[in-house]
Amino acid sequence: MVRVSLSSADKRRSEDIELSMGVALDEAAMRMRSAAFVLSYTLTFATGERTKTLTGNNNDLRSIFALKLGGGSTQRVLEYRTPQQFLRDHDDPSAGAGQPTFWTILVSEDGFPVVKVNVPLKTSETLTIYYYVVMTPDNVGVARSISAIVSGTLAHFYGIGTEQGIAHYQRFKELVVLARSSDTHSPEAQNTLPLSREDKTLRGVIRNMQIQRR
């Protein structure tokens, strides 16, 4: 779709097209945190550990959505604490082994977050990481709007300071807003349940009594 509107010479600039698409995807991800961008993977949190470097399935972790520890009846979602709060209340170096309940990010490693929990694990458990994925031309299918990515790619291909680029960039921003406003994987349904027949009858009786008292 990007190549459709390009000249014959520009169509051969494959590396520039891919680079421009990467920039457009990165900007789209910053403009919206979509449910479509959330993936998950699991790893083993070993006995006695308190820290773990999280990278994603394919070194594609952008940011963490949620962490779930354990499985079956013992599974629980860990609660996030800000670094300052964690250091003040949950970073006792002499804490005994147990079941972690809080986590934070104090440092990073090679650009990936190193999560720390409040106590060392008493037993080895499975950690499920839900995370926002880094979008690249290789996984462009996760984007909520291919049209937006096409416009963004053309904008950066021509340059957002050029006449052609500005028009595509404006279109890109508009489409991202539309994608954000319609971002849901859930079916549309009523937010409230209609009243039952008995409730309607009861409300009618109450209303009549209020009128008679006036």
N, C-alpha and C. Protein backbone atom coordinates (compact mmCIF):
# COMPACT_ATOMS: atom_id res chain seq x y z
N MET A 1 0.82 -1.21 0.00
CA MET A 1 0.00 0.00 0.00
C MET A 1 0.86 1.26 0.00
N VAL A 2 2.00 1.21 0.67
CA VAL A 2 2.90 2.37 0.65
C VAL A 2 3.42 2.62 -0.75
N ARG A 3 3.75 1.55 -1.45
CA ARG A 3 4.35 1.69 -2.78
C ARG A 3 3.34 2.14 -3.84
N VAL A 4 2.06 1.97 -3.57
CA VAL A 4 1.05 2.30 -4.57
C VAL A 4 1.17 3.74 -5.06
N SER A 5 1.41 4.66 -4.13
CA SER A 5 1.45 6.08 -4.50
C SER A 5 2.86 6.59 -4.78
N LEU A 6 3.85 5.71 -4.77
CA LEU A 6 5.22 6.14 -5.00
C LEU A 6 5.58 6.07 -6.49
N SER A 7 6.55 6.86 -6.85
CA SER A 7 7.06 6.81 -8.22
C SER A 7 7.86 5.52 -8.41
N SER A 8 8.17 5.20 -9.66
CA SER A 8 8.93 3.97 -9.95
C SER A 8 10.28 3.99 -9.25
N ALA A 9 10.91 5.15 -9.22
CA ALA A 9 12.23 5.26 -8.58
C ALA A 9 12.11 5.08 -7.07
N ASP A 10 11.08 5.71 -6.47
CA ASP A 10 10.91 5.62 -5.02
C ASP A 10 10.51 4.22 -4.56
N LYS A 11 9.80 3.50 -5.42
CA LYS A 11 9.40 2.14 -5.06
C LYS A 11 10.60 1.24 -4.82
N ARG A 12 11.73 1.56 -5.42
CA ARG A 12 12.93 0.73 -5.28
C ARG A 12 13.72 1.08 -4.01
N ARG A 13 13.30 2.09 -3.28
CA ARG A 13 14.00 2.50 -2.06
C ARG A 13 13.46 1.72 -0.85
N SER A 14 13.65 0.42 -0.93
CA SER A 14 13.07 -0.47 0.08
C SER A 14 13.56 -0.17 1.50
N GLU A 15 14.86 0.09 1.66
CA GLU A 15 15.39 0.34 3.00
C GLU A 15 14.81 1.62 3.59
N ASP A 16 14.65 2.65 2.75
CA ASP A 16 14.08 3.90 3.24
C ASP A 16 12.60 3.72 3.61
N ILE A 17 11.89 2.91 2.83
CA ILE A 17 10.48 2.64 3.14
C ILE A 17 10.37 1.91 4.46
N GLU A 18 11.21 0.91 4.68
CA GLU A 18 11.15 0.13 5.92
C GLU A 18 11.53 0.99 7.12
N LEU A 19 12.54 1.84 6.96
CA LEU A 19 12.94 2.73 8.04
C LEU A 19 11.81 3.70 8.39
N SER A 20 11.17 4.25 7.36
CA SER A 20 10.06 5.19 7.59
C SER A 20 8.89 4.49 8.27
N MET A 21 8.64 3.24 7.91
CA MET A 21 7.56 2.50 8.54
C MET A 21 7.87 2.24 10.01
N GLY A 22 9.12 1.95 10.32
CA GLY A 22 9.52 1.74 11.71
C GLY A 22 9.28 2.97 12.56
N VAL A 23 9.59 4.15 12.00
CA VAL A 23 9.35 5.40 12.73
C VAL A 23 7.85 5.63 12.93
N ALA A 24 7.07 5.36 11.87
CA ALA A 24 5.61 5.54 11.97
C ALA A 24 5.01 4.61 13.01
N LEU A 25 5.47 3.37 13.06
CA LEU A 25 4.98 2.41 14.04
C LEU A 25 5.35 2.84 15.46
N ASP A 26 6.57 3.31 15.63
CA ASP A 26 7.01 3.76 16.94
C ASP A 26 6.15 4.93 17.42
N GLU A 27 5.88 5.87 16.52
CA GLU A 27 5.07 7.03 16.90
C GLU A 27 3.62 6.63 17.19
N ALA A 28 3.09 5.71 16.40
CA ALA A 28 1.73 5.25 16.64
C ALA A 28 1.61 4.60 18.01
N ALA A 29 2.62 3.82 18.39
CA ALA A 29 2.61 3.15 19.69
C ALA A 29 2.66 4.16 20.84
N MET A 30 3.37 5.27 20.63
CA MET A 30 3.45 6.30 21.67
C MET A 30 2.14 7.09 21.77
N ARG A 31 1.43 7.21 20.66
CA ARG A 31 0.18 7.98 20.65
C ARG A 31 -0.99 7.18 21.22
N MET A 32 -0.90 5.87 21.25
CA MET A 32 -1.98 5.06 21.80
C MET A 32 -1.44 3.75 22.36
N ARG A 33 -1.97 3.37 23.53
CA ARG A 33 -1.65 2.08 24.10
C ARG A 33 -2.84 1.18 23.83
N SER A 34 -2.74 0.42 22.79
CA SER A 34 -3.88 -0.36 22.33
C SER A 34 -3.92 -1.75 22.96
N ALA A 35 -5.14 -2.26 23.12
CA ALA A 35 -5.30 -3.64 23.57
C ALA A 35 -4.68 -4.60 22.58
N ALA A 36 -4.62 -4.17 21.32
CA ALA A 36 -4.03 -5.03 20.29
C ALA A 36 -2.52 -5.17 20.45
N PHE A 37 -1.91 -4.24 21.19
CA PHE A 37 -0.46 -4.28 21.35
C PHE A 37 -0.02 -5.13 22.53
N VAL A 38 -0.96 -5.71 23.29
CA VAL A 38 -0.62 -6.46 24.49
C VAL A 38 -0.41 -7.94 24.16
N LEU A 39 0.77 -8.44 24.46
CA LEU A 39 1.09 -9.85 24.31
C LEU A 39 1.46 -10.40 25.69
N SER A 40 1.72 -11.69 25.75
CA SER A 40 2.12 -12.28 27.02
C SER A 40 3.10 -13.42 26.78
N TYR A 41 3.90 -13.68 27.79
CA TYR A 41 4.77 -14.85 27.78
C TYR A 41 5.06 -15.24 29.22
N THR A 42 5.61 -16.42 29.41
CA THR A 42 5.89 -16.90 30.77
C THR A 42 7.35 -17.28 30.92
N LEU A 43 7.81 -17.21 32.15
CA LEU A 43 9.15 -17.67 32.49
C LEU A 43 9.12 -18.16 33.93
N THR A 44 10.19 -18.81 34.35
CA THR A 44 10.26 -19.35 35.70
C THR A 44 10.97 -18.38 36.63
N PHE A 45 10.31 -18.05 37.72
CA PHE A 45 10.90 -17.23 38.76
C PHE A 45 11.43 -18.22 39.80
N ALA A 46 12.73 -18.37 39.90
CA ALA A 46 13.33 -19.43 40.71
C ALA A 46 13.28 -19.13 42.20
N THR A 47 13.40 -20.18 42.99
CA THR A 47 13.44 -20.05 44.44
C THR A 47 14.57 -19.13 44.87
N GLY A 48 14.27 -18.18 45.76
CA GLY A 48 15.29 -17.27 46.28
C GLY A 48 15.52 -16.03 45.44
N GLU A 49 14.94 -15.97 44.24
CA GLU A 49 15.14 -14.80 43.39
C GLU A 49 14.25 -13.64 43.80
N ARG A 50 14.75 -12.42 43.55
CA ARG A 50 13.94 -11.21 43.78
C ARG A 50 13.89 -10.33 42.54
N THR A 51 14.79 -10.56 41.60
CA THR A 51 14.83 -9.72 40.40
C THR A 51 14.78 -10.58 39.14
N LYS A 52 14.26 -10.00 38.06
CA LYS A 52 14.17 -10.69 36.79
C LYS A 52 14.18 -9.65 35.67
N THR A 53 15.00 -9.88 34.65
CA THR A 53 15.01 -9.02 33.47
C THR A 53 13.97 -9.51 32.49
N LEU A 54 13.06 -8.64 32.08
CA LEU A 54 11.97 -9.01 31.19
C LEU A 54 12.23 -8.44 29.80
N THR A 55 12.18 -9.31 28.79
CA THR A 55 12.52 -8.89 27.44
C THR A 55 11.40 -9.09 26.42
N GLY A 56 10.37 -9.87 26.78
CA GLY A 56 9.32 -10.19 25.82
C GLY A 56 9.61 -11.50 25.11
N ASN A 57 8.70 -11.90 24.25
CA ASN A 57 8.86 -13.14 23.50
C ASN A 57 10.07 -13.11 22.59
N ASN A 58 10.24 -11.99 21.90
CA ASN A 58 11.32 -11.87 20.92
C ASN A 58 12.07 -10.55 21.10
N ASN A 59 12.46 -10.28 22.35
CA ASN A 59 13.10 -9.00 22.67
C ASN A 59 12.25 -7.84 22.18
N ASP A 60 10.91 -7.96 22.35
CA ASP A 60 9.98 -6.98 21.81
C ASP A 60 9.15 -6.30 22.89
N LEU A 61 9.62 -6.33 24.14
CA LEU A 61 8.87 -5.70 25.22
C LEU A 61 9.11 -4.20 25.22
N ARG A 62 8.03 -3.45 25.15
CA ARG A 62 8.12 -1.99 25.21
C ARG A 62 7.85 -1.49 26.62
N SER A 63 6.76 -1.95 27.23
CA SER A 63 6.44 -1.62 28.61
C SER A 63 5.55 -2.71 29.18
N ILE A 64 5.49 -2.78 30.50
CA ILE A 64 4.76 -3.86 31.19
C ILE A 64 3.32 -3.43 31.45
N PHE A 65 2.38 -4.32 31.13
CA PHE A 65 0.97 -4.09 31.42
C PHE A 65 0.61 -4.66 32.79
N ALA A 66 1.01 -5.91 33.04
CA ALA A 66 0.71 -6.54 34.34
C ALA A 66 1.59 -7.77 34.52
N LEU A 67 1.77 -8.15 35.78
CA LEU A 67 2.54 -9.36 36.12
C LEU A 67 1.67 -10.27 36.97
N LYS A 68 1.63 -11.55 36.60
CA LYS A 68 0.87 -12.54 37.38
C LYS A 68 1.81 -13.66 37.79
N LEU A 69 1.78 -13.98 39.07
CA LEU A 69 2.70 -14.99 39.60
C LEU A 69 1.92 -16.21 40.06
N GLY A 70 2.48 -17.40 39.77
CA GLY A 70 1.86 -18.64 40.21
C GLY A 70 0.83 -19.15 39.23
N GLY A 71 0.15 -20.21 39.62
CA GLY A 71 -0.87 -20.81 38.78
C GLY A 71 -1.93 -21.48 39.62
N GLY A 72 -3.05 -21.83 38.99
CA GLY A 72 -4.13 -22.48 39.71
C GLY A 72 -4.70 -21.60 40.80
N SER A 73 -4.97 -22.18 41.95
CA SER A 73 -5.59 -21.44 43.06
C SER A 73 -4.63 -20.46 43.72
N THR A 74 -3.32 -20.58 43.45
CA THR A 74 -2.34 -19.70 44.10
C THR A 74 -1.95 -18.52 43.21
N GLN A 75 -2.50 -18.44 42.02
CA GLN A 75 -2.09 -17.34 41.14
C GLN A 75 -2.60 -16.00 41.67
N ARG A 76 -1.79 -14.97 41.50
CA ARG A 76 -2.20 -13.63 41.92
C ARG A 76 -1.49 -12.60 41.05
N VAL A 77 -2.16 -11.48 40.88
CA VAL A 77 -1.59 -10.37 40.13
C VAL A 77 -0.79 -9.52 41.10
N LEU A 78 0.47 -9.30 40.79
CA LEU A 78 1.33 -8.50 41.66
C LEU A 78 0.95 -7.02 41.55
N GLU A 79 1.04 -6.32 42.66
CA GLU A 79 0.71 -4.91 42.70
C GLU A 79 1.96 -4.06 42.47
N TYR A 80 1.83 -3.09 41.57
CA TYR A 80 2.96 -2.21 41.26
C TYR A 80 3.12 -1.14 42.33
N ARG A 81 4.37 -0.82 42.65
CA ARG A 81 4.70 0.28 43.54
C ARG A 81 5.73 1.17 42.83
N THR A 82 5.60 2.47 43.03
CA THR A 82 6.58 3.37 42.45
C THR A 82 7.95 3.07 43.05
N PRO A 83 9.04 3.38 42.35
CA PRO A 83 10.37 3.10 42.89
C PRO A 83 10.60 3.70 44.28
N GLN A 84 10.17 4.97 44.47
CA GLN A 84 10.37 5.61 45.77
C GLN A 84 9.61 4.89 46.87
N GLN A 85 8.34 4.53 46.61
CA GLN A 85 7.54 3.83 47.61
C GLN A 85 8.11 2.45 47.88
N PHE A 86 8.56 1.77 46.83
CA PHE A 86 9.11 0.42 46.99
C PHE A 86 10.38 0.47 47.84
N LEU A 87 11.26 1.42 47.54
CA LEU A 87 12.51 1.53 48.29
C LEU A 87 12.24 1.83 49.77
N ARG A 88 11.21 2.60 50.04
CA ARG A 88 10.88 2.97 51.41
C ARG A 88 10.22 1.85 52.19
N ASP A 89 9.29 1.13 51.54
CA ASP A 89 8.43 0.20 52.28
C ASP A 89 8.67 -1.29 52.00
N HIS A 90 9.30 -1.63 50.85
CA HIS A 90 9.31 -3.04 50.45
C HIS A 90 10.69 -3.56 50.02
N ASP A 91 11.77 -2.84 50.36
CA ASP A 91 13.09 -3.24 49.86
C ASP A 91 14.02 -3.68 50.98
N ASP A 92 13.48 -4.37 51.95
CA ASP A 92 14.29 -4.86 53.06
C ASP A 92 15.25 -5.94 52.55
N PRO A 93 16.57 -5.71 52.60
CA PRO A 93 17.52 -6.70 52.09
C PRO A 93 17.54 -7.99 52.92
N SER A 94 17.01 -7.93 54.15
CA SER A 94 17.01 -9.12 55.00
C SER A 94 15.66 -9.83 55.01
N ALA A 95 14.77 -9.44 54.08
CA ALA A 95 13.43 -10.05 54.03
C ALA A 95 13.54 -11.55 53.81
N GLY A 96 12.75 -12.30 54.58
CA GLY A 96 12.75 -13.75 54.43
C GLY A 96 11.97 -14.18 53.20
N ALA A 97 12.18 -15.43 52.79
CA ALA A 97 11.49 -15.96 51.62
C ALA A 97 9.99 -16.04 51.87
N GLY A 98 9.22 -15.84 50.83
CA GLY A 98 7.78 -15.90 50.96
C GLY A 98 7.10 -15.81 49.61
N GLN A 99 5.89 -15.29 49.59
CA GLN A 99 5.14 -15.10 48.36
C GLN A 99 5.08 -13.60 48.03
N PRO A 100 5.78 -13.17 47.00
CA PRO A 100 5.80 -11.74 46.66
C PRO A 100 4.40 -11.22 46.34
N THR A 101 4.17 -9.97 46.69
CA THR A 101 2.89 -9.32 46.38
C THR A 101 3.09 -7.99 45.66
N PHE A 102 4.30 -7.39 45.76
CA PHE A 102 4.56 -6.09 45.16
C PHE A 102 5.77 -6.18 44.22
N TRP A 103 5.78 -5.28 43.24
CA TRP A 103 6.91 -5.23 42.31
C TRP A 103 7.16 -3.80 41.86
N THR A 104 8.36 -3.57 41.36
CA THR A 104 8.70 -2.27 40.79
C THR A 104 9.84 -2.45 39.79
N ILE A 105 10.24 -1.36 39.18
CA ILE A 105 11.40 -1.35 38.28
C ILE A 105 12.37 -0.30 38.80
N LEU A 106 13.55 -0.72 39.22
CA LEU A 106 14.56 0.20 39.73
C LEU A 106 15.65 0.48 38.71
N VAL A 107 16.00 -0.52 37.92
CA VAL A 107 17.08 -0.37 36.94
C VAL A 107 16.67 -1.09 35.65
N SER A 108 17.47 -0.91 34.62
CA SER A 108 17.26 -1.62 33.36
C SER A 108 18.56 -2.30 32.93
N GLU A 109 18.43 -3.24 32.01
CA GLU A 109 19.58 -3.98 31.51
C GLU A 109 19.46 -4.10 30.00
N ASP A 110 20.40 -3.49 29.29
CA ASP A 110 20.37 -3.48 27.82
C ASP A 110 19.05 -2.92 27.29
N GLY A 111 18.50 -1.96 28.01
CA GLY A 111 17.26 -1.33 27.56
C GLY A 111 15.99 -2.03 28.00
N PHE A 112 16.12 -3.16 28.69
CA PHE A 112 14.96 -3.90 29.17
C PHE A 112 14.79 -3.73 30.68
N PRO A 113 13.54 -3.72 31.18
CA PRO A 113 13.31 -3.49 32.61
C PRO A 113 13.73 -4.69 33.46
N VAL A 114 14.31 -4.38 34.60
CA VAL A 114 14.62 -5.40 35.60
C VAL A 114 13.60 -5.22 36.73
N VAL A 115 12.68 -6.17 36.86
CA VAL A 115 11.65 -6.06 37.90
C VAL A 115 12.18 -6.65 39.20
N LYS A 116 11.74 -6.04 40.29
CA LYS A 116 12.14 -6.53 41.61
C LYS A 116 10.89 -6.71 42.45
N VAL A 117 10.82 -7.82 43.18
CA VAL A 117 9.67 -8.10 44.05
C VAL A 117 10.07 -7.87 45.51
N ASN A 118 9.07 -7.81 46.38
CA ASN A 118 9.32 -7.39 47.75
C ASN A 118 9.98 -8.45 48.63
N VAL A 119 9.83 -9.72 48.29
CA VAL A 119 10.49 -10.77 49.06
C VAL A 119 11.02 -11.84 48.11
N PRO A 120 12.09 -12.55 48.48
CA PRO A 120 12.56 -13.67 47.65
C PRO A 120 11.50 -14.76 47.59
N LEU A 121 11.46 -15.46 46.48
CA LEU A 121 10.47 -16.52 46.34
C LEU A 121 10.79 -17.71 47.23
N LYS A 122 9.77 -18.19 47.91
CA LYS A 122 9.94 -19.35 48.78
C LYS A 122 10.06 -20.62 47.96
N THR A 123 9.29 -20.68 46.87
CA THR A 123 9.36 -21.80 45.94
C THR A 123 9.34 -21.27 44.52
N SER A 124 9.84 -22.05 43.61
CA SER A 124 9.85 -21.65 42.21
C SER A 124 8.42 -21.52 41.69
N GLU A 125 8.15 -20.42 40.95
CA GLU A 125 6.81 -20.19 40.42
C GLU A 125 6.89 -19.66 38.99
N THR A 126 5.78 -19.80 38.30
CA THR A 126 5.69 -19.28 36.93
C THR A 126 5.26 -17.82 36.96
N LEU A 127 6.00 -17.00 36.24
CA LEU A 127 5.67 -15.59 36.12
C LEU A 127 5.12 -15.34 34.72
N THR A 128 3.89 -14.82 34.66
CA THR A 128 3.28 -14.47 33.38
C THR A 128 3.38 -12.95 33.20
N ILE A 129 3.96 -12.56 32.09
CA ILE A 129 4.18 -11.14 31.83
C ILE A 129 3.25 -10.70 30.70
N TYR A 130 2.40 -9.73 30.98
CA TYR A 130 1.57 -9.10 29.96
C TYR A 130 2.24 -7.78 29.61
N TYR A 131 2.53 -7.58 28.33
CA TYR A 131 3.32 -6.41 27.98
C TYR A 131 2.89 -5.79 26.65
N TYR A 132 3.19 -4.49 26.53
CA TYR A 132 2.97 -3.79 25.27
C TYR A 132 4.16 -4.08 24.37
N VAL A 133 3.87 -4.52 23.15
CA VAL A 133 4.91 -4.95 22.24
C VAL A 133 5.51 -3.77 21.48
N VAL A 134 6.78 -3.87 21.18
CA VAL A 134 7.43 -2.91 20.28
C VAL A 134 6.98 -3.24 18.87
N MET A 135 6.40 -2.28 18.19
CA MET A 135 5.94 -2.52 16.82
C MET A 135 7.06 -2.23 15.83
N THR A 136 7.25 -3.16 14.92
CA THR A 136 8.25 -3.03 13.86
C THR A 136 7.61 -3.45 12.54
N PRO A 137 8.28 -3.19 11.42
CA PRO A 137 7.73 -3.67 10.14
C PRO A 137 7.50 -5.17 10.09
N ASP A 138 8.19 -5.92 10.96
CA ASP A 138 8.02 -7.38 10.97
C ASP A 138 6.72 -7.81 11.63
N ASN A 139 6.16 -6.97 12.53
CA ASN A 139 4.90 -7.34 13.18
C ASN A 139 3.85 -6.26 12.98
N VAL A 140 3.88 -5.61 11.83
CA VAL A 140 2.97 -4.50 11.54
C VAL A 140 1.51 -4.93 11.65
N GLY A 141 1.24 -6.22 11.58
CA GLY A 141 -0.13 -6.71 11.66
C GLY A 141 -0.82 -6.42 12.97
N VAL A 142 -0.05 -6.12 14.05
CA VAL A 142 -0.69 -5.83 15.33
C VAL A 142 -1.24 -4.41 15.38
N ALA A 143 -0.86 -3.58 14.42
CA ALA A 143 -1.35 -2.20 14.40
C ALA A 143 -2.85 -2.18 14.20
N ARG A 144 -3.54 -1.29 14.91
CA ARG A 144 -5.00 -1.23 14.84
C ARG A 144 -5.48 -0.67 13.51
N SER A 145 -4.65 0.14 12.86
CA SER A 145 -5.06 0.75 11.60
C SER A 145 -3.91 0.72 10.62
N ILE A 146 -4.01 -0.15 9.63
CA ILE A 146 -2.98 -0.21 8.60
C ILE A 146 -2.96 1.09 7.81
N SER A 147 -4.14 1.71 7.62
CA SER A 147 -4.22 2.98 6.90
C SER A 147 -3.38 4.05 7.59
N ALA A 148 -3.44 4.07 8.92
CA ALA A 148 -2.66 5.05 9.67
C ALA A 148 -1.17 4.82 9.46
N ILE A 149 -0.74 3.56 9.48
CA ILE A 149 0.67 3.25 9.32
C ILE A 149 1.14 3.60 7.91
N VAL A 150 0.30 3.38 6.92
CA VAL A 150 0.65 3.75 5.54
C VAL A 150 0.87 5.25 5.44
N SER A 151 -0.06 6.02 6.00
CA SER A 151 0.06 7.48 5.97
C SER A 151 1.29 7.94 6.74
N GLY A 152 1.53 7.34 7.89
CA GLY A 152 2.70 7.70 8.68
C GLY A 152 4.00 7.35 7.97
N THR A 153 4.02 6.22 7.29
CA THR A 153 5.21 5.81 6.54
C THR A 153 5.50 6.80 5.42
N LEU A 154 4.47 7.17 4.67
CA LEU A 154 4.65 8.13 3.58
C LEU A 154 5.09 9.48 4.12
N ALA A 155 4.56 9.87 5.29
CA ALA A 155 4.94 11.16 5.88
C ALA A 155 6.43 11.20 6.18
N HIS A 156 6.94 10.15 6.80
CA HIS A 156 8.36 10.13 7.14
C HIS A 156 9.22 9.81 5.93
N PHE A 157 8.69 9.13 4.96
CA PHE A 157 9.44 8.85 3.73
C PHE A 157 9.72 10.16 2.98
N TYR A 158 8.70 10.99 2.85
CA TYR A 158 8.87 12.28 2.17
C TYR A 158 9.50 13.33 3.08
N GLY A 159 9.34 13.14 4.39
CA GLY A 159 9.83 14.12 5.36
C GLY A 159 8.67 14.96 5.87
N ILE A 160 8.48 15.00 7.20
CA ILE A 160 7.31 15.69 7.75
C ILE A 160 7.44 17.21 7.63
N GLY A 161 8.58 17.69 7.12
CA GLY A 161 8.74 19.11 6.89
C GLY A 161 8.49 19.51 5.45
N THR A 162 8.18 18.52 4.60
CA THR A 162 7.92 18.81 3.19
C THR A 162 6.42 18.94 2.95
N GLU A 163 6.06 19.52 1.82
CA GLU A 163 4.65 19.71 1.51
C GLU A 163 3.92 18.37 1.42
N GLN A 164 4.52 17.40 0.74
CA GLN A 164 3.90 16.08 0.63
C GLN A 164 3.83 15.40 2.00
N GLY A 165 4.92 15.50 2.74
CA GLY A 165 4.98 14.84 4.03
C GLY A 165 3.99 15.39 5.03
N ILE A 166 3.79 16.71 5.03
CA ILE A 166 2.86 17.33 5.97
C ILE A 166 1.44 16.80 5.79
N ALA A 167 1.01 16.68 4.53
CA ALA A 167 -0.35 16.19 4.25
C ALA A 167 -0.53 14.76 4.76
N HIS A 168 0.45 13.91 4.50
CA HIS A 168 0.37 12.52 4.98
C HIS A 168 0.44 12.47 6.50
N TYR A 169 1.24 13.36 7.10
CA TYR A 169 1.40 13.35 8.56
C TYR A 169 0.10 13.76 9.25
N GLN A 170 -0.59 14.74 8.69
CA GLN A 170 -1.86 15.16 9.25
C GLN A 170 -2.88 14.03 9.18
N ARG A 171 -2.90 13.34 8.05
CA ARG A 171 -3.80 12.20 7.87
C ARG A 171 -3.45 11.09 8.86
N PHE A 172 -2.16 10.86 9.07
CA PHE A 172 -1.70 9.86 10.02
C PHE A 172 -2.22 10.15 11.43
N LYS A 173 -2.10 11.39 11.88
CA LYS A 173 -2.56 11.76 13.22
C LYS A 173 -4.07 11.60 13.35
N GLU A 174 -4.81 11.95 12.31
CA GLU A 174 -6.26 11.80 12.35
C GLU A 174 -6.66 10.33 12.46
N LEU A 175 -5.98 9.48 11.70
CA LEU A 175 -6.31 8.05 11.72
C LEU A 175 -5.95 7.39 13.04
N VAL A 176 -4.86 7.84 13.66
CA VAL A 176 -4.48 7.29 14.96
C VAL A 176 -5.54 7.64 16.01
N VAL A 177 -6.07 8.86 15.95
CA VAL A 177 -7.14 9.26 16.87
C VAL A 177 -8.37 8.38 16.67
N LEU A 178 -8.72 8.10 15.41
CA LEU A 178 -9.86 7.24 15.13
C LEU A 178 -9.61 5.82 15.65
N ALA A 179 -8.40 5.33 15.46
CA ALA A 179 -8.07 3.99 15.93
C ALA A 179 -8.14 3.93 17.45
N ARG A 180 -7.69 4.98 18.10
CA ARG A 180 -7.73 5.01 19.56
C ARG A 180 -9.16 5.05 20.08
N SER A 181 -10.02 5.80 19.42
CA SER A 181 -11.41 5.92 19.88
C SER A 181 -12.21 4.65 19.67
N SER A 182 -11.79 3.81 18.74
CA SER A 182 -12.51 2.56 18.47
C SER A 182 -11.74 1.35 18.95
N ASP A 183 -10.80 1.57 19.86
CA ASP A 183 -9.92 0.49 20.28
C ASP A 183 -10.58 -0.42 21.31
N THR A 184 -11.13 -1.51 20.86
CA THR A 184 -11.70 -2.51 21.77
C THR A 184 -11.79 -3.85 21.05
N HIS A 185 -11.58 -4.90 21.82
CA HIS A 185 -11.78 -6.26 21.30
C HIS A 185 -13.08 -6.85 21.83
N SER A 186 -13.78 -6.08 22.65
CA SER A 186 -15.00 -6.57 23.26
C SER A 186 -16.20 -6.26 22.38
N PRO A 187 -17.20 -7.15 22.34
CA PRO A 187 -18.41 -6.86 21.57
C PRO A 187 -19.17 -5.71 22.20
N GLU A 188 -19.83 -4.92 21.37
CA GLU A 188 -20.62 -3.82 21.89
C GLU A 188 -21.86 -4.39 22.60
N ALA A 189 -22.09 -3.93 23.79
CA ALA A 189 -23.22 -4.43 24.57
C ALA A 189 -23.76 -3.30 25.43
N GLN A 190 -24.96 -3.50 25.97
CA GLN A 190 -25.54 -2.49 26.84
C GLN A 190 -24.71 -2.36 28.10
N ASN A 191 -24.51 -1.12 28.54
CA ASN A 191 -23.76 -0.89 29.77
C ASN A 191 -24.58 -1.21 31.01
N THR A 192 -25.92 -1.12 30.91
CA THR A 192 -26.79 -1.39 32.04
C THR A 192 -27.85 -2.41 31.63
N LEU A 193 -28.26 -3.23 32.60
CA LEU A 193 -29.30 -4.22 32.33
C LEU A 193 -30.66 -3.56 32.40
N PRO A 194 -31.59 -3.91 31.52
CA PRO A 194 -32.94 -3.35 31.61
C PRO A 194 -33.63 -3.87 32.87
N LEU A 195 -34.59 -3.09 33.37
CA LEU A 195 -35.33 -3.51 34.57
C LEU A 195 -36.20 -4.72 34.27
N SER A 196 -36.33 -5.58 35.27
CA SER A 196 -37.22 -6.73 35.12
C SER A 196 -38.67 -6.25 35.19
N ARG A 197 -39.61 -7.13 34.81
CA ARG A 197 -41.03 -6.79 34.85
C ARG A 197 -41.47 -6.48 36.28
N GLU A 198 -40.96 -7.25 37.25
CA GLU A 198 -41.33 -7.03 38.66
C GLU A 198 -40.85 -5.66 39.14
N ASP A 199 -39.62 -5.29 38.75
CA ASP A 199 -39.08 -3.99 39.17
C ASP A 199 -39.87 -2.85 38.55
N LYS A 200 -40.27 -3.02 37.29
CA LYS A 200 -41.07 -1.98 36.64
C LYS A 200 -42.41 -1.81 37.33
N THR A 201 -43.05 -2.95 37.69
CA THR A 201 -44.34 -2.90 38.39
C THR A 201 -44.19 -2.21 39.74
N LEU A 202 -43.12 -2.57 40.49
CA LEU A 202 -42.88 -1.98 41.81
C LEU A 202 -42.65 -0.48 41.71
N ARG A 203 -41.89 -0.07 40.73
CA ARG A 203 -41.64 1.37 40.56
C ARG A 203 -42.91 2.11 40.20
N GLY A 204 -43.79 1.44 39.44
CA GLY A 204 -45.08 2.06 39.09
C GLY A 204 -45.94 2.26 40.32
N VAL A 205 -45.95 1.27 41.20
CA VAL A 205 -46.72 1.37 42.44
C VAL A 205 -46.19 2.52 43.30
N ILE A 206 -44.87 2.59 43.45
CA ILE A 206 -44.24 3.65 44.25
C ILE A 206 -44.57 5.02 43.66
N ARG A 207 -44.52 5.12 42.35
CA ARG A 207 -44.82 6.40 41.69
C ARG A 207 -46.26 6.83 41.95
N ASN A 208 -47.21 5.87 41.85
CA ASN A 208 -48.62 6.18 42.11
C ASN A 208 -48.83 6.62 43.56
N MET A 209 -48.16 5.98 44.49
CA MET A 209 -48.29 6.37 45.91
C MET A 209 -47.76 7.78 46.13
N GLN A 210 -46.66 8.13 45.45
CA GLN A 210 -46.10 9.49 45.60
C GLN A 210 -47.09 10.52 45.06
N ILE A 211 -47.75 10.21 43.95
CA ILE A 211 -48.71 11.15 43.35
C ILE A 211 -49.90 11.35 44.27
N GLN A 212 -50.40 10.23 44.89
CA GLN A 212 -51.59 10.31 45.76
C GLN A 212 -51.31 11.12 47.03
N ARG A 213 -50.08 11.16 47.46
CA ARG A 213 -49.74 11.89 48.69
C ARG A 213 -49.67 13.40 48.48
N ARG A 214 -49.55 13.84 47.24
CA ARG A 214 -49.45 15.28 46.96
C ARG A 214 -50.76 16.00 47.16
